[in-house]
Amino acid sequence: MPLPSVIFDARTAGAKLPRHLSAFEQAARHWQSGYELLVVDDTGDRRLPPLALRHQAILLSCSEATLGGRLNFAVGASHGEVLLFPGLGDWRVPAWLGQRLAIAESERGWDAAILPVQYPGWLRRWWASLYRSSPRDTYWVARDWFERIGGFDPQLGSDALPDLLERLRACQARVAIESA
């Protein structure tokens, strides 16, 4: 089973980071191969080192101003074969990632997978018909494809993740858009 590197951005998560780390940790206990948890920080917040220690996360201090730059920095420090960028505010993410790990062990028919943010009712159906990726979606990317396309555009902020998806598609990567 491939080792996943799970990467959270402290600035993007903001005050919700402790809740997201706790929820992720509880759901990921059932992953048989384990995982590498990284938190990239450009804020210098003094509360982050004890939080990272409590969740057995690697805290990476970074001076990059953009999300693309921070995530590239974190990927450079990671060791996983697959890179996971969990969407914030979506509690389906850890269960979906666990299922992706099980599937990845048996067969690899994808190079990237996206778990879109779930919108209620009619909005969900409308959004699905117009689907364009969102920075709040969860992204799962094989490291070899991430490196092949040169990673995130370091100039981009919140558009870094959707841009990565578009470049993967342009390079003929197999991208699955899934539901949990």
N, C-alpha and C. Protein backbone atom coordinates (compact mmCIF):
# COMPACT_ATOMS: atom_id res chain seq x y z
N MET A 1 0.84 -1.17 0.00
CA MET A 1 0.00 0.00 0.00
C MET A 1 0.89 1.24 0.00
N PRO A 2 0.60 2.20 -0.84
CA PRO A 2 1.45 3.38 -0.91
C PRO A 2 1.32 4.25 0.34
N LEU A 3 2.44 4.82 0.75
CA LEU A 3 2.43 5.71 1.91
C LEU A 3 1.90 7.07 1.47
N PRO A 4 0.81 7.54 2.10
CA PRO A 4 0.31 8.87 1.76
C PRO A 4 0.95 9.96 2.61
N SER A 5 1.21 11.08 1.99
CA SER A 5 1.63 12.29 2.71
C SER A 5 0.42 13.22 2.72
N VAL A 6 -0.08 13.50 3.91
CA VAL A 6 -1.26 14.34 4.08
C VAL A 6 -0.77 15.72 4.47
N ILE A 7 -1.13 16.73 3.68
CA ILE A 7 -0.58 18.07 3.86
C ILE A 7 -1.69 19.08 4.14
N PHE A 8 -1.59 19.72 5.30
CA PHE A 8 -2.50 20.81 5.67
C PHE A 8 -1.73 22.12 5.62
N ASP A 9 -2.39 23.17 5.18
CA ASP A 9 -1.82 24.51 5.20
C ASP A 9 -2.43 25.26 6.38
N ALA A 10 -1.59 25.69 7.32
CA ALA A 10 -2.08 26.35 8.54
C ALA A 10 -2.81 27.65 8.24
N ARG A 11 -2.34 28.41 7.29
CA ARG A 11 -2.99 29.69 6.97
C ARG A 11 -4.38 29.45 6.40
N THR A 12 -4.52 28.51 5.49
CA THR A 12 -5.81 28.23 4.87
C THR A 12 -6.79 27.66 5.89
N ALA A 13 -6.32 26.74 6.73
CA ALA A 13 -7.20 26.12 7.72
C ALA A 13 -7.59 27.09 8.83
N GLY A 14 -6.69 27.97 9.18
CA GLY A 14 -6.98 28.96 10.21
C GLY A 14 -7.36 28.34 11.54
N ALA A 15 -8.39 28.89 12.17
CA ALA A 15 -8.81 28.45 13.50
C ALA A 15 -9.41 27.05 13.49
N LYS A 16 -9.76 26.54 12.31
CA LYS A 16 -10.35 25.21 12.22
C LYS A 16 -9.31 24.09 12.17
N LEU A 17 -8.04 24.44 12.12
CA LEU A 17 -7.00 23.43 11.99
C LEU A 17 -7.05 22.38 13.11
N PRO A 18 -7.20 22.74 14.39
CA PRO A 18 -7.25 21.69 15.42
C PRO A 18 -8.39 20.69 15.20
N ARG A 19 -9.56 21.19 14.81
CA ARG A 19 -10.70 20.28 14.56
C ARG A 19 -10.42 19.37 13.36
N HIS A 20 -9.82 19.92 12.32
CA HIS A 20 -9.54 19.12 11.13
C HIS A 20 -8.48 18.05 11.43
N LEU A 21 -7.47 18.41 12.19
CA LEU A 21 -6.44 17.43 12.54
C LEU A 21 -7.03 16.32 13.41
N SER A 22 -7.88 16.67 14.36
CA SER A 22 -8.51 15.67 15.23
C SER A 22 -9.40 14.72 14.43
N ALA A 23 -10.24 15.29 13.59
CA ALA A 23 -11.14 14.46 12.77
C ALA A 23 -10.35 13.56 11.84
N PHE A 24 -9.32 14.10 11.24
CA PHE A 24 -8.51 13.31 10.33
C PHE A 24 -7.81 12.18 11.08
N GLU A 25 -7.24 12.49 12.24
CA GLU A 25 -6.51 11.49 13.02
C GLU A 25 -7.42 10.34 13.45
N GLN A 26 -8.63 10.65 13.88
CA GLN A 26 -9.57 9.60 14.31
C GLN A 26 -9.93 8.68 13.16
N ALA A 27 -10.23 9.22 12.03
CA ALA A 27 -10.62 8.40 10.89
C ALA A 27 -9.45 7.63 10.31
N ALA A 28 -8.26 8.19 10.35
CA ALA A 28 -7.09 7.56 9.72
C ALA A 28 -6.46 6.47 10.59
N ARG A 29 -6.93 6.29 11.80
CA ARG A 29 -6.38 5.22 12.66
C ARG A 29 -6.53 3.84 12.02
N HIS A 30 -7.51 3.69 11.15
CA HIS A 30 -7.79 2.40 10.54
C HIS A 30 -6.97 2.14 9.29
N TRP A 31 -6.18 3.11 8.88
CA TRP A 31 -5.34 2.91 7.70
C TRP A 31 -4.21 1.97 8.08
N GLN A 32 -4.08 0.90 7.36
CA GLN A 32 -3.10 -0.12 7.72
C GLN A 32 -1.66 0.29 7.44
N SER A 33 -1.44 1.06 6.41
CA SER A 33 -0.06 1.39 6.05
C SER A 33 0.47 2.62 6.78
N GLY A 34 -0.39 3.30 7.51
CA GLY A 34 0.03 4.53 8.17
C GLY A 34 0.02 5.70 7.20
N TYR A 35 0.51 6.81 7.66
CA TYR A 35 0.54 8.01 6.84
C TYR A 35 1.54 8.99 7.44
N GLU A 36 1.89 9.96 6.65
CA GLU A 36 2.78 11.04 7.08
C GLU A 36 1.93 12.31 7.09
N LEU A 37 1.86 12.96 8.22
CA LEU A 37 1.04 14.16 8.37
C LEU A 37 1.94 15.38 8.49
N LEU A 38 1.72 16.34 7.59
CA LEU A 38 2.53 17.56 7.59
C LEU A 38 1.62 18.78 7.69
N VAL A 39 2.08 19.77 8.43
CA VAL A 39 1.39 21.06 8.52
C VAL A 39 2.41 22.12 8.12
N VAL A 40 2.11 22.85 7.06
CA VAL A 40 3.01 23.91 6.60
C VAL A 40 2.49 25.23 7.15
N ASP A 41 3.41 26.04 7.69
CA ASP A 41 3.01 27.26 8.38
C ASP A 41 3.88 28.43 7.96
N ASP A 42 3.21 29.53 7.63
CA ASP A 42 3.94 30.77 7.36
C ASP A 42 3.52 31.85 8.35
N THR A 43 2.73 31.47 9.36
CA THR A 43 2.19 32.45 10.29
C THR A 43 3.08 32.68 11.51
N GLY A 44 3.85 31.69 11.90
CA GLY A 44 4.67 31.81 13.11
C GLY A 44 3.85 31.74 14.39
N ASP A 45 2.64 31.23 14.31
CA ASP A 45 1.76 31.12 15.47
C ASP A 45 2.38 30.19 16.51
N ARG A 46 2.50 30.67 17.75
CA ARG A 46 3.14 29.89 18.82
C ARG A 46 2.30 28.69 19.26
N ARG A 47 1.04 28.66 18.90
CA ARG A 47 0.17 27.52 19.29
C ARG A 47 0.38 26.31 18.39
N LEU A 48 1.01 26.48 17.25
CA LEU A 48 1.14 25.38 16.29
C LEU A 48 2.12 24.28 16.71
N PRO A 49 3.28 24.57 17.28
CA PRO A 49 4.16 23.46 17.67
C PRO A 49 3.53 22.46 18.64
N PRO A 50 2.85 22.91 19.72
CA PRO A 50 2.22 21.90 20.58
C PRO A 50 1.07 21.16 19.88
N LEU A 51 0.35 21.85 19.01
CA LEU A 51 -0.73 21.21 18.25
C LEU A 51 -0.17 20.13 17.34
N ALA A 52 0.89 20.45 16.64
CA ALA A 52 1.52 19.47 15.74
C ALA A 52 2.04 18.27 16.54
N LEU A 53 2.64 18.52 17.66
CA LEU A 53 3.17 17.45 18.51
C LEU A 53 2.05 16.53 19.00
N ARG A 54 0.94 17.12 19.40
CA ARG A 54 -0.21 16.35 19.90
C ARG A 54 -0.76 15.42 18.82
N HIS A 55 -0.72 15.85 17.57
CA HIS A 55 -1.27 15.04 16.48
C HIS A 55 -0.20 14.30 15.69
N GLN A 56 1.01 14.29 16.21
CA GLN A 56 2.15 13.62 15.58
C GLN A 56 2.33 14.08 14.13
N ALA A 57 2.22 15.37 13.95
CA ALA A 57 2.40 15.98 12.63
C ALA A 57 3.77 16.64 12.57
N ILE A 58 4.30 16.72 11.38
CA ILE A 58 5.55 17.43 11.15
C ILE A 58 5.18 18.87 10.83
N LEU A 59 5.67 19.80 11.64
CA LEU A 59 5.39 21.21 11.42
C LEU A 59 6.53 21.80 10.59
N LEU A 60 6.19 22.38 9.45
CA LEU A 60 7.17 22.96 8.55
C LEU A 60 6.98 24.47 8.53
N SER A 61 7.98 25.20 8.98
CA SER A 61 7.93 26.66 8.92
C SER A 61 8.42 27.08 7.55
N CYS A 62 7.68 27.98 6.93
CA CYS A 62 7.94 28.36 5.56
C CYS A 62 7.71 29.86 5.41
N SER A 63 8.48 30.51 4.58
CA SER A 63 8.32 31.95 4.38
C SER A 63 7.58 32.28 3.08
N GLU A 64 7.10 31.25 2.36
CA GLU A 64 6.39 31.48 1.10
C GLU A 64 5.08 32.21 1.36
N ALA A 65 4.78 33.21 0.55
CA ALA A 65 3.57 34.01 0.74
C ALA A 65 2.34 33.41 0.08
N THR A 66 2.52 32.57 -0.94
CA THR A 66 1.38 32.04 -1.67
C THR A 66 1.11 30.58 -1.28
N LEU A 67 -0.12 30.16 -1.47
CA LEU A 67 -0.49 28.77 -1.17
C LEU A 67 0.32 27.81 -2.04
N GLY A 68 0.46 28.12 -3.32
CA GLY A 68 1.24 27.25 -4.21
C GLY A 68 2.67 27.08 -3.73
N GLY A 69 3.29 28.16 -3.29
CA GLY A 69 4.66 28.09 -2.77
C GLY A 69 4.75 27.28 -1.49
N ARG A 70 3.80 27.47 -0.58
CA ARG A 70 3.81 26.72 0.69
C ARG A 70 3.61 25.23 0.46
N LEU A 71 2.66 24.89 -0.42
CA LEU A 71 2.41 23.47 -0.68
C LEU A 71 3.58 22.81 -1.40
N ASN A 72 4.24 23.51 -2.31
CA ASN A 72 5.45 22.97 -2.95
C ASN A 72 6.52 22.70 -1.91
N PHE A 73 6.67 23.64 -0.96
CA PHE A 73 7.66 23.47 0.11
C PHE A 73 7.35 22.21 0.92
N ALA A 74 6.07 22.02 1.27
CA ALA A 74 5.68 20.85 2.06
C ALA A 74 5.89 19.56 1.28
N VAL A 75 5.56 19.55 0.00
CA VAL A 75 5.76 18.35 -0.81
C VAL A 75 7.25 18.01 -0.88
N GLY A 76 8.09 19.02 -0.97
CA GLY A 76 9.53 18.79 -1.00
C GLY A 76 10.06 18.13 0.26
N ALA A 77 9.39 18.35 1.38
CA ALA A 77 9.81 17.75 2.65
C ALA A 77 9.12 16.41 2.92
N SER A 78 8.18 16.03 2.08
CA SER A 78 7.41 14.80 2.32
C SER A 78 8.09 13.60 1.67
N HIS A 79 7.63 12.40 2.07
CA HIS A 79 8.21 11.17 1.55
C HIS A 79 7.19 10.24 0.91
N GLY A 80 5.91 10.59 0.95
CA GLY A 80 4.85 9.71 0.48
C GLY A 80 4.83 9.52 -1.03
N GLU A 81 4.28 8.39 -1.44
CA GLU A 81 4.12 8.09 -2.86
C GLU A 81 2.89 8.77 -3.44
N VAL A 82 1.94 9.10 -2.57
CA VAL A 82 0.76 9.85 -2.98
C VAL A 82 0.65 11.07 -2.08
N LEU A 83 0.14 12.15 -2.63
CA LEU A 83 0.04 13.42 -1.93
C LEU A 83 -1.43 13.74 -1.73
N LEU A 84 -1.81 13.99 -0.50
CA LEU A 84 -3.20 14.27 -0.16
C LEU A 84 -3.30 15.69 0.35
N PHE A 85 -4.22 16.44 -0.23
CA PHE A 85 -4.49 17.81 0.18
C PHE A 85 -5.95 17.85 0.60
N PRO A 86 -6.24 17.56 1.90
CA PRO A 86 -7.63 17.47 2.35
C PRO A 86 -8.36 18.80 2.24
N GLY A 87 -9.58 18.72 1.73
CA GLY A 87 -10.44 19.89 1.69
C GLY A 87 -10.88 20.25 3.10
N LEU A 88 -11.08 21.50 3.34
CA LEU A 88 -11.46 21.93 4.68
C LEU A 88 -12.97 22.04 4.79
N GLY A 89 -13.49 21.57 5.90
CA GLY A 89 -14.90 21.67 6.15
C GLY A 89 -15.69 20.48 5.65
N ASP A 90 -15.04 19.47 5.13
CA ASP A 90 -15.74 18.31 4.59
C ASP A 90 -15.36 17.09 5.43
N TRP A 91 -16.27 16.61 6.24
CA TRP A 91 -15.97 15.52 7.17
C TRP A 91 -15.99 14.16 6.49
N ARG A 92 -16.34 14.09 5.20
CA ARG A 92 -16.29 12.84 4.46
C ARG A 92 -14.87 12.49 4.05
N VAL A 93 -13.98 13.44 4.12
CA VAL A 93 -12.63 13.28 3.56
C VAL A 93 -11.86 12.08 4.12
N PRO A 94 -11.72 11.91 5.44
CA PRO A 94 -10.91 10.77 5.91
C PRO A 94 -11.45 9.41 5.47
N ALA A 95 -12.77 9.22 5.47
CA ALA A 95 -13.33 7.95 5.02
C ALA A 95 -13.05 7.73 3.54
N TRP A 96 -13.20 8.78 2.74
CA TRP A 96 -12.94 8.67 1.31
C TRP A 96 -11.47 8.34 1.06
N LEU A 97 -10.58 9.00 1.79
CA LEU A 97 -9.15 8.74 1.61
C LEU A 97 -8.82 7.31 1.98
N GLY A 98 -9.46 6.80 3.04
CA GLY A 98 -9.25 5.40 3.43
C GLY A 98 -9.67 4.45 2.33
N GLN A 99 -10.80 4.73 1.69
CA GLN A 99 -11.25 3.91 0.56
C GLN A 99 -10.27 4.02 -0.60
N ARG A 100 -9.76 5.21 -0.87
CA ARG A 100 -8.79 5.40 -1.96
C ARG A 100 -7.53 4.58 -1.69
N LEU A 101 -7.10 4.53 -0.43
CA LEU A 101 -5.91 3.73 -0.10
C LEU A 101 -6.14 2.25 -0.38
N ALA A 102 -7.31 1.75 -0.02
CA ALA A 102 -7.61 0.34 -0.26
C ALA A 102 -7.63 0.04 -1.76
N ILE A 103 -8.22 0.94 -2.54
CA ILE A 103 -8.27 0.75 -3.99
C ILE A 103 -6.86 0.85 -4.59
N ALA A 104 -6.07 1.78 -4.09
CA ALA A 104 -4.72 1.97 -4.62
C ALA A 104 -3.86 0.74 -4.39
N GLU A 105 -4.14 0.02 -3.30
CA GLU A 105 -3.37 -1.18 -3.02
C GLU A 105 -3.65 -2.28 -4.05
N SER A 106 -4.91 -2.41 -4.45
CA SER A 106 -5.27 -3.49 -5.36
C SER A 106 -5.00 -3.15 -6.83
N GLU A 107 -5.28 -1.93 -7.22
CA GLU A 107 -5.04 -1.54 -8.61
C GLU A 107 -4.85 -0.03 -8.67
N ARG A 108 -4.16 0.42 -9.66
CA ARG A 108 -3.93 1.85 -9.80
C ARG A 108 -4.43 2.29 -11.17
N GLY A 109 -5.69 2.66 -11.23
CA GLY A 109 -6.27 3.08 -12.47
C GLY A 109 -6.45 4.59 -12.53
N TRP A 110 -5.70 5.33 -11.75
CA TRP A 110 -5.84 6.78 -11.70
C TRP A 110 -4.49 7.40 -11.40
N ASP A 111 -4.38 8.64 -11.73
CA ASP A 111 -3.17 9.40 -11.41
C ASP A 111 -3.49 10.50 -10.40
N ALA A 112 -4.75 10.88 -10.35
CA ALA A 112 -5.22 11.87 -9.39
C ALA A 112 -6.70 11.61 -9.16
N ALA A 113 -7.17 11.97 -7.99
CA ALA A 113 -8.59 11.84 -7.69
C ALA A 113 -9.02 13.09 -6.93
N ILE A 114 -10.25 13.49 -7.19
CA ILE A 114 -10.78 14.69 -6.56
C ILE A 114 -12.07 14.31 -5.86
N LEU A 115 -12.22 14.75 -4.62
CA LEU A 115 -13.48 14.63 -3.89
C LEU A 115 -14.05 16.04 -3.79
N PRO A 116 -15.06 16.33 -4.61
CA PRO A 116 -15.61 17.69 -4.60
C PRO A 116 -16.33 18.01 -3.29
N VAL A 117 -16.38 19.27 -2.97
CA VAL A 117 -17.17 19.74 -1.84
C VAL A 117 -18.61 19.35 -2.12
N GLN A 118 -19.29 18.88 -1.10
CA GLN A 118 -20.68 18.46 -1.28
C GLN A 118 -21.61 19.62 -0.94
N TYR A 119 -22.45 19.96 -1.89
CA TYR A 119 -23.43 21.02 -1.70
C TYR A 119 -24.81 20.38 -1.55
N PRO A 120 -25.66 20.92 -0.70
CA PRO A 120 -26.97 20.29 -0.47
C PRO A 120 -27.94 20.50 -1.62
N GLY A 121 -28.84 19.52 -1.79
CA GLY A 121 -29.99 19.61 -2.67
C GLY A 121 -29.74 20.01 -4.11
N TRP A 122 -30.57 20.92 -4.59
CA TRP A 122 -30.55 21.33 -5.99
C TRP A 122 -29.22 21.96 -6.36
N LEU A 123 -28.58 22.62 -5.39
CA LEU A 123 -27.30 23.26 -5.68
C LEU A 123 -26.25 22.21 -6.06
N ARG A 124 -26.29 21.05 -5.40
CA ARG A 124 -25.36 19.97 -5.71
C ARG A 124 -25.55 19.50 -7.15
N ARG A 125 -26.78 19.27 -7.56
CA ARG A 125 -27.04 18.81 -8.93
C ARG A 125 -26.59 19.86 -9.95
N TRP A 126 -26.90 21.11 -9.67
CA TRP A 126 -26.50 22.18 -10.58
C TRP A 126 -24.98 22.28 -10.67
N TRP A 127 -24.32 22.24 -9.51
CA TRP A 127 -22.85 22.34 -9.48
C TRP A 127 -22.21 21.16 -10.20
N ALA A 128 -22.76 19.97 -10.01
CA ALA A 128 -22.20 18.78 -10.66
C ALA A 128 -22.28 18.92 -12.18
N SER A 129 -23.34 19.55 -12.67
CA SER A 129 -23.46 19.71 -14.12
C SER A 129 -22.46 20.71 -14.68
N LEU A 130 -22.02 21.64 -13.85
CA LEU A 130 -21.06 22.67 -14.28
C LEU A 130 -19.66 22.44 -13.70
N TYR A 131 -19.40 21.26 -13.17
CA TYR A 131 -18.25 21.06 -12.29
C TYR A 131 -16.95 21.67 -12.78
N ARG A 132 -16.44 22.51 -11.93
CA ARG A 132 -15.08 23.04 -12.04
C ARG A 132 -14.51 22.91 -10.65
N SER A 133 -13.26 22.57 -10.57
CA SER A 133 -12.67 22.31 -9.26
C SER A 133 -12.64 23.55 -8.40
N SER A 134 -12.62 23.30 -7.10
CA SER A 134 -12.63 24.36 -6.11
C SER A 134 -11.44 24.18 -5.18
N PRO A 135 -10.91 25.25 -4.62
CA PRO A 135 -9.82 25.11 -3.66
C PRO A 135 -10.26 24.37 -2.39
N ARG A 136 -11.57 24.21 -2.17
CA ARG A 136 -12.07 23.51 -0.99
C ARG A 136 -12.21 22.02 -1.22
N ASP A 137 -12.04 21.55 -2.47
CA ASP A 137 -12.11 20.13 -2.77
C ASP A 137 -10.90 19.42 -2.17
N THR A 138 -11.00 18.11 -2.05
CA THR A 138 -9.87 17.29 -1.60
C THR A 138 -9.17 16.74 -2.82
N TYR A 139 -7.86 16.84 -2.84
CA TYR A 139 -7.04 16.41 -3.99
C TYR A 139 -6.12 15.28 -3.55
N TRP A 140 -6.02 14.26 -4.38
CA TRP A 140 -5.15 13.10 -4.18
C TRP A 140 -4.34 12.98 -5.47
N VAL A 141 -3.03 13.11 -5.39
CA VAL A 141 -2.20 13.11 -6.60
C VAL A 141 -1.03 12.16 -6.41
N ALA A 142 -0.77 11.35 -7.41
CA ALA A 142 0.41 10.49 -7.38
C ALA A 142 1.65 11.37 -7.47
N ARG A 143 2.64 11.10 -6.64
CA ARG A 143 3.84 11.93 -6.59
C ARG A 143 4.54 12.02 -7.95
N ASP A 144 4.59 10.90 -8.66
CA ASP A 144 5.29 10.95 -9.95
C ASP A 144 4.62 11.93 -10.92
N TRP A 145 3.28 12.00 -10.91
CA TRP A 145 2.60 12.97 -11.76
C TRP A 145 2.80 14.39 -11.25
N PHE A 146 2.80 14.56 -9.94
CA PHE A 146 3.02 15.89 -9.36
C PHE A 146 4.38 16.42 -9.81
N GLU A 147 5.39 15.57 -9.73
CA GLU A 147 6.74 15.98 -10.14
C GLU A 147 6.85 16.16 -11.65
N ARG A 148 6.14 15.32 -12.40
CA ARG A 148 6.18 15.40 -13.86
C ARG A 148 5.67 16.75 -14.38
N ILE A 149 4.64 17.31 -13.73
CA ILE A 149 4.09 18.58 -14.20
C ILE A 149 4.70 19.78 -13.48
N GLY A 150 5.68 19.54 -12.61
CA GLY A 150 6.39 20.64 -11.98
C GLY A 150 5.74 21.18 -10.71
N GLY A 151 4.81 20.43 -10.13
CA GLY A 151 4.19 20.86 -8.87
C GLY A 151 3.22 22.02 -9.06
N PHE A 152 2.97 22.70 -7.96
CA PHE A 152 2.07 23.86 -7.98
C PHE A 152 2.77 25.06 -8.60
N ASP A 153 1.98 25.94 -9.17
CA ASP A 153 2.51 27.22 -9.64
C ASP A 153 2.77 28.06 -8.39
N PRO A 154 4.02 28.39 -8.09
CA PRO A 154 4.33 29.12 -6.85
C PRO A 154 3.80 30.54 -6.82
N GLN A 155 3.30 31.04 -7.93
CA GLN A 155 2.74 32.39 -7.97
C GLN A 155 1.27 32.43 -7.57
N LEU A 156 0.63 31.25 -7.50
CA LEU A 156 -0.81 31.21 -7.28
C LEU A 156 -1.17 31.05 -5.80
N GLY A 157 -2.24 31.69 -5.43
CA GLY A 157 -2.78 31.56 -4.08
C GLY A 157 -3.86 30.49 -4.06
N SER A 158 -5.12 30.90 -3.85
CA SER A 158 -6.21 29.94 -3.73
C SER A 158 -6.48 29.17 -5.02
N ASP A 159 -5.98 29.63 -6.14
CA ASP A 159 -6.17 28.93 -7.41
C ASP A 159 -5.11 27.85 -7.66
N ALA A 160 -4.21 27.64 -6.73
CA ALA A 160 -3.12 26.68 -6.94
C ALA A 160 -3.64 25.26 -7.15
N LEU A 161 -4.59 24.81 -6.35
CA LEU A 161 -5.10 23.45 -6.48
C LEU A 161 -5.91 23.26 -7.77
N PRO A 162 -6.88 24.14 -8.09
CA PRO A 162 -7.58 23.97 -9.38
C PRO A 162 -6.63 24.04 -10.58
N ASP A 163 -5.62 24.88 -10.50
CA ASP A 163 -4.65 24.98 -11.59
C ASP A 163 -3.89 23.66 -11.75
N LEU A 164 -3.52 23.04 -10.65
CA LEU A 164 -2.83 21.74 -10.70
C LEU A 164 -3.71 20.72 -11.42
N LEU A 165 -4.98 20.70 -11.10
CA LEU A 165 -5.90 19.77 -11.75
C LEU A 165 -5.97 20.02 -13.25
N GLU A 166 -6.06 21.25 -13.65
CA GLU A 166 -6.13 21.57 -15.09
C GLU A 166 -4.86 21.15 -15.81
N ARG A 167 -3.72 21.35 -15.18
CA ARG A 167 -2.46 20.95 -15.82
C ARG A 167 -2.34 19.43 -15.88
N LEU A 168 -2.84 18.72 -14.86
CA LEU A 168 -2.85 17.26 -14.91
C LEU A 168 -3.69 16.76 -16.08
N ARG A 169 -4.86 17.35 -16.22
CA ARG A 169 -5.73 16.97 -17.34
C ARG A 169 -5.08 17.27 -18.69
N ALA A 170 -4.44 18.42 -18.80
CA ALA A 170 -3.79 18.80 -20.05
C ALA A 170 -2.66 17.84 -20.43
N CYS A 171 -2.06 17.21 -19.43
CA CYS A 171 -0.97 16.26 -19.68
C CYS A 171 -1.47 14.82 -19.78
N GLN A 172 -2.79 14.65 -19.91
CA GLN A 172 -3.41 13.33 -20.08
C GLN A 172 -3.31 12.43 -18.85
N ALA A 173 -3.23 13.01 -17.67
CA ALA A 173 -3.28 12.21 -16.45
C ALA A 173 -4.70 11.68 -16.28
N ARG A 174 -4.82 10.52 -15.69
CA ARG A 174 -6.14 9.94 -15.43
C ARG A 174 -6.65 10.53 -14.12
N VAL A 175 -7.68 11.37 -14.21
CA VAL A 175 -8.23 12.08 -13.06
C VAL A 175 -9.63 11.58 -12.81
N ALA A 176 -9.88 11.12 -11.58
CA ALA A 176 -11.22 10.66 -11.20
C ALA A 176 -11.87 11.73 -10.33
N ILE A 177 -13.10 12.09 -10.66
CA ILE A 177 -13.89 12.98 -9.82
C ILE A 177 -14.93 12.09 -9.17
N GLU A 178 -14.89 11.99 -7.85
CA GLU A 178 -15.64 10.98 -7.15
C GLU A 178 -16.60 11.57 -6.14
N SER A 179 -17.39 10.69 -5.57
CA SER A 179 -18.26 11.06 -4.46
C SER A 179 -17.98 10.07 -3.33
N ALA A 180 -18.25 10.53 -2.13
CA ALA A 180 -17.99 9.67 -0.96
C ALA A 180 -19.28 9.03 -0.50
